C-alpha atoms as a PDB file:
ATOM      1  CA  UNK A   1     -11.165 -23.370 -12.081  1.00  0.00           C
ATOM      2  CA  UNK A   2      -8.641 -24.344 -14.767  1.00  0.00           C
ATOM      3  CA  UNK A   3      -9.826 -27.935 -14.540  1.00  0.00           C
ATOM      4  CA  UNK A   4     -13.349 -26.782 -15.391  1.00  0.00           C
ATOM      5  CA  UNK A   5     -12.148 -24.695 -18.358  1.00  0.00           C
ATOM      6  CA  UNK A   6     -10.026 -27.536 -19.774  1.00  0.00           C
ATOM      7  CA  UNK A   7     -12.856 -30.001 -19.277  1.00  0.00           C
ATOM      8  CA  UNK A   8     -15.306 -27.581 -20.949  1.00  0.00           C
ATOM      9  CA  UNK A   9     -13.116 -27.179 -24.031  1.00  0.00           C
ATOM     10  CA  UNK A  10     -12.008 -30.782 -24.548  1.00  0.00           C
ATOM     11  CA  UNK A  11     -15.069 -32.808 -23.498  1.00  0.00           C
ATOM     12  CA  UNK A  12     -15.693 -35.566 -25.982  1.00  0.00           C
ATOM     13  CA  UNK A  13     -14.286 -33.918 -29.116  1.00  0.00           C
ATOM     14  CA  UNK A  14     -12.374 -36.140 -31.466  1.00  0.00           C
ATOM     15  CA  UNK A  15      -9.279 -34.667 -33.084  1.00  0.00           C
ATOM     16  CA  UNK A  16     -10.537 -35.945 -36.430  1.00  0.00           C
ATOM     17  CA  UNK A  17     -13.769 -33.988 -36.048  1.00  0.00           C
ATOM     18  CA  UNK A  18     -11.823 -30.805 -35.261  1.00  0.00           C
ATOM     19  CA  UNK A  19      -9.552 -31.366 -38.267  1.00  0.00           C
ATOM     20  CA  UNK A  20     -12.568 -32.005 -40.480  1.00  0.00           C
ATOM     21  CA  UNK A  21     -14.176 -28.745 -39.332  1.00  0.00           C
ATOM     22  CA  UNK A  22     -10.929 -26.808 -39.810  1.00  0.00           C
ATOM     23  CA  UNK A  23     -10.074 -28.075 -43.299  1.00  0.00           C
ATOM     24  CA  UNK A  24     -13.682 -28.027 -44.515  1.00  0.00           C
ATOM     25  CA  UNK A  25     -13.886 -24.393 -43.479  1.00  0.00           C
ATOM     26  CA  UNK A  26     -10.669 -23.599 -45.371  1.00  0.00           C
ATOM     27  CA  UNK A  27     -12.088 -25.226 -48.511  1.00  0.00           C
ATOM     28  CA  UNK A  28     -15.435 -23.485 -48.137  1.00  0.00           C
ATOM     29  CA  UNK A  29     -14.023 -19.987 -47.608  1.00  0.00           C
ATOM     30  CA  UNK A  30     -11.542 -20.464 -50.463  1.00  0.00           C
ATOM     31  CA  UNK A  31     -14.464 -21.406 -52.701  1.00  0.00           C
ATOM     32  CA  UNK A  32     -16.274 -18.248 -51.601  1.00  0.00           C
ATOM     33  CA  UNK A  33     -13.270 -16.091 -52.437  1.00  0.00           C
ATOM     34  CA  UNK A  34     -12.985 -17.644 -55.892  1.00  0.00           C
ATOM     35  CA  UNK A  35     -16.759 -17.349 -56.434  1.00  0.00           C
ATOM     36  CA  UNK A  36     -16.720 -13.617 -55.786  1.00  0.00           C
ATOM     37  CA  UNK A  37     -13.767 -13.131 -58.127  1.00  0.00           C
ATOM     38  CA  UNK A  38     -15.282 -15.281 -60.881  1.00  0.00           C
ATOM     39  CA  UNK A  39     -18.582 -13.414 -60.782  1.00  0.00           C
ATOM     40  CA  UNK A  40     -16.888  -9.995 -60.734  1.00  0.00           C
ATOM     41  CA  UNK A  41     -14.797 -11.020 -63.782  1.00  0.00           C
ATOM     42  CA  UNK A  42     -17.917 -12.108 -65.684  1.00  0.00           C
ATOM     43  CA  UNK A  43     -17.662 -15.902 -65.207  1.00  0.00           C
ATOM     44  CA  UNK A  44     -21.196 -16.341 -63.886  1.00  0.00           C
ATOM     45  CA  UNK A  45     -21.809 -20.054 -64.557  1.00  0.00           C
ATOM     46  CA  UNK A  46     -18.692 -21.327 -62.746  1.00  0.00           C
ATOM     47  CA  UNK A  47     -19.477 -18.811 -59.985  1.00  0.00           C
ATOM     48  CA  UNK A  48     -22.962 -20.255 -59.538  1.00  0.00           C
ATOM     49  CA  UNK A  49     -21.609 -23.818 -59.350  1.00  0.00           C
ATOM     50  CA  UNK A  50     -19.081 -22.757 -56.692  1.00  0.00           C
ATOM     51  CA  UNK A  51     -21.841 -20.945 -54.776  1.00  0.00           C
ATOM     52  CA  UNK A  52     -23.923 -24.135 -54.640  1.00  0.00           C
ATOM     53  CA  UNK A  53     -20.977 -26.237 -53.431  1.00  0.00           C
ATOM     54  CA  UNK A  54     -19.919 -23.564 -50.951  1.00  0.00           C
ATOM     55  CA  UNK A  55     -23.331 -23.293 -49.290  1.00  0.00           C
ATOM     56  CA  UNK A  56     -23.798 -27.062 -49.243  1.00  0.00           C
ATOM     57  CA  UNK A  57     -20.473 -27.484 -47.453  1.00  0.00           C
ATOM     58  CA  UNK A  58     -21.288 -24.573 -45.116  1.00  0.00           C
ATOM     59  CA  UNK A  59     -24.585 -26.176 -44.049  1.00  0.00           C
ATOM     60  CA  UNK A  60     -22.922 -29.427 -43.042  1.00  0.00           C
ATOM     61  CA  UNK A  61     -19.926 -27.833 -41.307  1.00  0.00           C
ATOM     62  CA  UNK A  62     -21.902 -25.101 -39.514  1.00  0.00           C
ATOM     63  CA  UNK A  63     -24.460 -27.620 -38.279  1.00  0.00           C
ATOM     64  CA  UNK A  64     -21.655 -29.755 -36.760  1.00  0.00           C
ATOM     65  CA  UNK A  65     -20.387 -26.703 -34.894  1.00  0.00           C
ATOM     66  CA  UNK A  66     -23.704 -25.200 -33.818  1.00  0.00           C
ATOM     67  CA  UNK A  67     -25.093 -28.465 -32.440  1.00  0.00           C
ATOM     68  CA  UNK A  68     -23.666 -28.768 -28.950  1.00  0.00           C
ATOM     69  CA  UNK A  69     -21.648 -25.545 -29.013  1.00  0.00           C
ATOM     70  CA  UNK A  70     -22.337 -24.960 -25.305  1.00  0.00           C
ATOM     71  CA  UNK A  71     -20.795 -28.315 -24.411  1.00  0.00           C
ATOM     72  CA  UNK A  72     -17.913 -28.077 -26.933  1.00  0.00           C
ATOM     73  CA  UNK A  73     -16.901 -24.426 -27.520  1.00  0.00           C
ATOM     74  CA  UNK A  74     -13.556 -25.537 -28.990  1.00  0.00           C
ATOM     75  CA  UNK A  75     -15.455 -26.343 -32.190  1.00  0.00           C
ATOM     76  CA  UNK A  76     -16.275 -22.642 -32.569  1.00  0.00           C
ATOM     77  CA  UNK A  77     -12.613 -21.701 -32.110  1.00  0.00           C
ATOM     78  CA  UNK A  78     -11.512 -24.253 -34.721  1.00  0.00           C
ATOM     79  CA  UNK A  79     -14.316 -23.079 -37.050  1.00  0.00           C
ATOM     80  CA  UNK A  80     -13.078 -19.477 -36.724  1.00  0.00           C
ATOM     81  CA  UNK A  81      -9.452 -20.481 -37.317  1.00  0.00           C
ATOM     82  CA  UNK A  82     -10.587 -22.357 -40.427  1.00  0.00           C
ATOM     83  CA  UNK A  83     -12.329 -19.217 -41.676  1.00  0.00           C
ATOM     84  CA  UNK A  84      -9.229 -17.049 -41.213  1.00  0.00           C
ATOM     85  CA  UNK A  85      -7.021 -19.666 -42.866  1.00  0.00           C
ATOM     86  CA  UNK A  86      -9.524 -20.003 -45.726  1.00  0.00           C
ATOM     87  CA  UNK A  87      -9.328 -16.289 -46.470  1.00  0.00           C
ATOM     88  CA  UNK A  88      -5.544 -16.568 -46.733  1.00  0.00           C
ATOM     89  CA  UNK A  89      -5.608 -19.754 -48.848  1.00  0.00           C
ATOM     90  CA  UNK A  90      -8.325 -18.343 -51.135  1.00  0.00           C
ATOM     91  CA  UNK A  91      -6.321 -15.193 -51.804  1.00  0.00           C
ATOM     92  CA  UNK A  92      -3.221 -17.288 -52.589  1.00  0.00           C
ATOM     93  CA  UNK A  93      -5.196 -19.469 -55.019  1.00  0.00           C
ATOM     94  CA  UNK A  94      -6.647 -16.404 -56.736  1.00  0.00           C
ATOM     95  CA  UNK A  95      -3.194 -14.898 -57.049  1.00  0.00           C
ATOM     96  CA  UNK A  96      -1.936 -18.113 -58.691  1.00  0.00           C
ATOM     97  CA  UNK A  97      -4.853 -18.237 -61.122  1.00  0.00           C
ATOM     98  CA  UNK A  98      -4.409 -14.519 -61.950  1.00  0.00           C
ATOM     99  CA  UNK A  99      -7.639 -14.277 -63.914  1.00  0.00           C
ATOM    100  CA  UNK A 100      -8.514 -11.211 -65.920  1.00  0.00           C
ATOM    101  CA  UNK A 101      -6.749  -8.434 -67.746  1.00  0.00           C
ATOM    102  CA  UNK A 102      -4.600  -5.512 -66.623  1.00  0.00           C
ATOM    103  CA  UNK A 103      -3.587  -2.157 -68.015  1.00  0.00           C
ATOM    104  CA  UNK A 104       0.075  -1.469 -67.369  1.00  0.00           C
ATOM    105  CA  UNK A 105       1.171   2.132 -67.770  1.00  0.00           C
ATOM    106  CA  UNK A 106       4.823   3.099 -67.735  1.00  0.00           C
ATOM    107  CA  UNK A 107       6.075   6.684 -67.696  1.00  0.00           C
ATOM    108  CA  UNK A 108       9.658   6.968 -68.822  1.00  0.00           C
ATOM    109  CA  UNK A 109      12.053   9.351 -70.556  1.00  0.00           C
ATOM    110  CA  UNK A 110      11.145   9.823 -74.224  1.00  0.00           C
ATOM    111  CA  UNK A 111      14.246   8.131 -75.695  1.00  0.00           C
ATOM    112  CA  UNK A 112      14.090   5.117 -73.357  1.00  0.00           C
ATOM    113  CA  UNK A 113      10.332   4.771 -73.967  1.00  0.00           C
ATOM    114  CA  UNK A 114      11.010   4.008 -77.629  1.00  0.00           C
ATOM    115  CA  UNK A 115      13.438   1.213 -76.665  1.00  0.00           C
ATOM    116  CA  UNK A 116      10.965  -0.292 -74.178  1.00  0.00           C
ATOM    117  CA  UNK A 117       8.101  -0.162 -76.694  1.00  0.00           C
ATOM    118  CA  UNK A 118      10.195  -1.860 -79.394  1.00  0.00           C
ATOM    119  CA  UNK A 119      11.352  -4.543 -76.976  1.00  0.00           C
ATOM    120  CA  UNK A 120       7.810  -5.335 -75.806  1.00  0.00           C
ATOM    121  CA  UNK A 121       6.438  -5.300 -79.358  1.00  0.00           C
ATOM    122  CA  UNK A 122       9.155  -7.732 -80.467  1.00  0.00           C
ATOM    123  CA  UNK A 123       7.865 -10.111 -77.762  1.00  0.00           C
ATOM    124  CA  UNK A 124       4.328  -9.880 -79.167  1.00  0.00           C
ATOM    125  CA  UNK A 125       2.797  -7.353 -76.778  1.00  0.00           C
ATOM    126  CA  UNK A 126       0.620  -4.536 -78.101  1.00  0.00           C
ATOM    127  CA  UNK A 127       2.052  -1.236 -76.877  1.00  0.00           C
ATOM    128  CA  UNK A 128       0.503   2.220 -77.275  1.00  0.00           C
ATOM    129  CA  UNK A 129       2.876   5.105 -76.727  1.00  0.00           C
ATOM    130  CA  UNK A 130       1.912   8.694 -76.025  1.00  0.00           C
ATOM    131  CA  UNK A 131       4.245  11.708 -75.938  1.00  0.00           C
ATOM    132  CA  UNK A 132       3.944  13.576 -72.667  1.00  0.00           C
ATOM    133  CA  UNK A 133       5.556  16.445 -70.803  1.00  0.00           C
ATOM    134  CA  UNK A 134       6.946  15.710 -67.351  1.00  0.00           C
ATOM    135  CA  UNK A 135       8.070  18.233 -64.745  1.00  0.00           C
ATOM    136  CA  UNK A 136      11.514  18.701 -66.272  1.00  0.00           C
ATOM    137  CA  UNK A 137      11.609  16.796 -69.561  1.00  0.00           C
ATOM    138  CA  UNK A 138       9.831  15.045 -72.400  1.00  0.00           C
ATOM    139  CA  UNK A 139       8.305  11.729 -71.374  1.00  0.00           C
ATOM    140  CA  UNK A 140       6.683   8.759 -73.056  1.00  0.00           C
ATOM    141  CA  UNK A 141       3.651   7.062 -71.567  1.00  0.00           C
ATOM    142  CA  UNK A 142       3.413   3.408 -72.568  1.00  0.00           C
ATOM    143  CA  UNK A 143       0.099   1.555 -72.231  1.00  0.00           C
ATOM    144  CA  UNK A 144       0.055  -2.218 -72.433  1.00  0.00           C
ATOM    145  CA  UNK A 145      -3.073  -4.341 -72.056  1.00  0.00           C
ATOM    146  CA  UNK A 146      -2.260  -7.889 -70.991  1.00  0.00           C
ATOM    147  CA  UNK A 147      -3.465 -10.906 -69.063  1.00  0.00           C
ATOM    148  CA  UNK A 148      -2.793 -10.688 -65.331  1.00  0.00           C
ATOM    149  CA  UNK A 149      -0.706 -13.837 -65.556  1.00  0.00           C
ATOM    150  CA  UNK A 150       1.828 -12.044 -67.810  1.00  0.00           C
ATOM    151  CA  UNK A 151       1.901  -8.821 -65.791  1.00  0.00           C
ATOM    152  CA  UNK A 152       5.128  -9.517 -63.912  1.00  0.00           C
ATOM    153  CA  UNK A 153       6.955 -10.448 -67.116  1.00  0.00           C
ATOM    154  CA  UNK A 154       6.079  -7.079 -68.674  1.00  0.00           C
ATOM    155  CA  UNK A 155       6.893  -5.047 -65.556  1.00  0.00           C
ATOM    156  CA  UNK A 156      10.230  -6.848 -65.164  1.00  0.00           C
ATOM    157  CA  UNK A 157      11.109  -6.122 -68.811  1.00  0.00           C
ATOM    158  CA  UNK A 158      10.292  -2.431 -68.345  1.00  0.00           C
ATOM    159  CA  UNK A 159      12.332  -2.236 -65.118  1.00  0.00           C
ATOM    160  CA  UNK A 160      15.219  -4.111 -66.756  1.00  0.00           C
ATOM    161  CA  UNK A 161      15.488  -1.454 -69.466  1.00  0.00           C
ATOM    162  CA  UNK A 162      14.643   1.547 -67.266  1.00  0.00           C
ATOM    163  CA  UNK A 163      14.897   0.976 -63.493  1.00  0.00           C
ATOM    164  CA  UNK A 164      13.603   4.529 -62.895  1.00  0.00           C
ATOM    165  CA  UNK A 165      10.395   4.081 -64.920  1.00  0.00           C
ATOM    166  CA  UNK A 166       7.168   4.759 -63.065  1.00  0.00           C
ATOM    167  CA  UNK A 167       4.941   1.705 -63.581  1.00  0.00           C
ATOM    168  CA  UNK A 168       1.271   1.472 -62.654  1.00  0.00           C
ATOM    169  CA  UNK A 169      -0.924  -1.607 -63.054  1.00  0.00           C
ATOM    170  CA  UNK A 170      -4.743  -1.623 -62.906  1.00  0.00           C
ATOM    171  CA  UNK A 171      -7.269  -4.447 -63.246  1.00  0.00           C
ATOM    172  CA  UNK A 172      -9.675  -4.054 -66.165  1.00  0.00           C
ATOM    173  CA  UNK A 173     -13.318  -5.100 -66.228  1.00  0.00           C
ATOM    174  CA  UNK A 174     -13.918  -4.676 -69.986  1.00  0.00           C
ATOM    175  CA  UNK A 175     -11.540  -4.771 -72.944  1.00  0.00           C
ATOM    176  CA  UNK A 176     -12.766  -4.657 -76.551  1.00  0.00           C
ATOM    177  CA  UNK A 177     -10.843  -4.209 -79.788  1.00  0.00           C
ATOM    178  CA  UNK A 178      -7.175  -3.328 -80.064  1.00  0.00           C
ATOM    179  CA  UNK A 179      -4.207  -5.499 -80.973  1.00  0.00           C
ATOM    180  CA  UNK A 180      -3.531  -8.965 -79.638  1.00  0.00           C
ATOM    181  CA  UNK A 181      -0.928 -10.887 -81.606  1.00  0.00           C
ATOM    182  CA  UNK A 182      -2.126 -14.076 -83.324  1.00  0.00           C
ATOM    183  CA  UNK A 183       0.502 -16.114 -81.487  1.00  0.00           C
ATOM    184  CA  UNK A 184      -0.587 -14.813 -78.072  1.00  0.00           C
ATOM    185  CA  UNK A 185      -4.253 -15.328 -78.953  1.00  0.00           C
ATOM    186  CA  UNK A 186      -3.485 -18.955 -79.901  1.00  0.00           C
ATOM    187  CA  UNK A 187      -1.111 -19.669 -76.990  1.00  0.00           C
ATOM    188  CA  UNK A 188      -3.337 -18.284 -74.225  1.00  0.00           C
END
């Protein structure tokens, strides 16, 4: 019985073909992940180019797997592993690219909020502050619009000054108007 199963899985499959299927699938699924993100962020033309390349690659890889799948089911397993790995790799790539804008909101005590706002403004970030009333005391709500790539820098600065600050970060689809320093506009 086991001889039949082993023979069924490994009959005539080259390791290079399995590796090609696996890594092609990783590339294809990563492209799909980036395509969806690009289109949702408004980058339609690069998204369309990725879509073309993604489907072209899919046709060639899927046809290699589908042809003779009954004789070589290991191809389907490798194809599926490539898909799962591609989802992971695509999400890592997207995280590194960090495209888009975020709204960072920090709720902090009123006196510390002033210090945080001044510190962030001195670094060139536009900060809007709003007086607020918390459960037990006066609070300041700070709102900072920034590129996703600079999000961690801002959050770390806030936490450095006030470790107890409540910080929330949200992705933004549209941002118009407001203050962006000339230096930041030029540098990024």
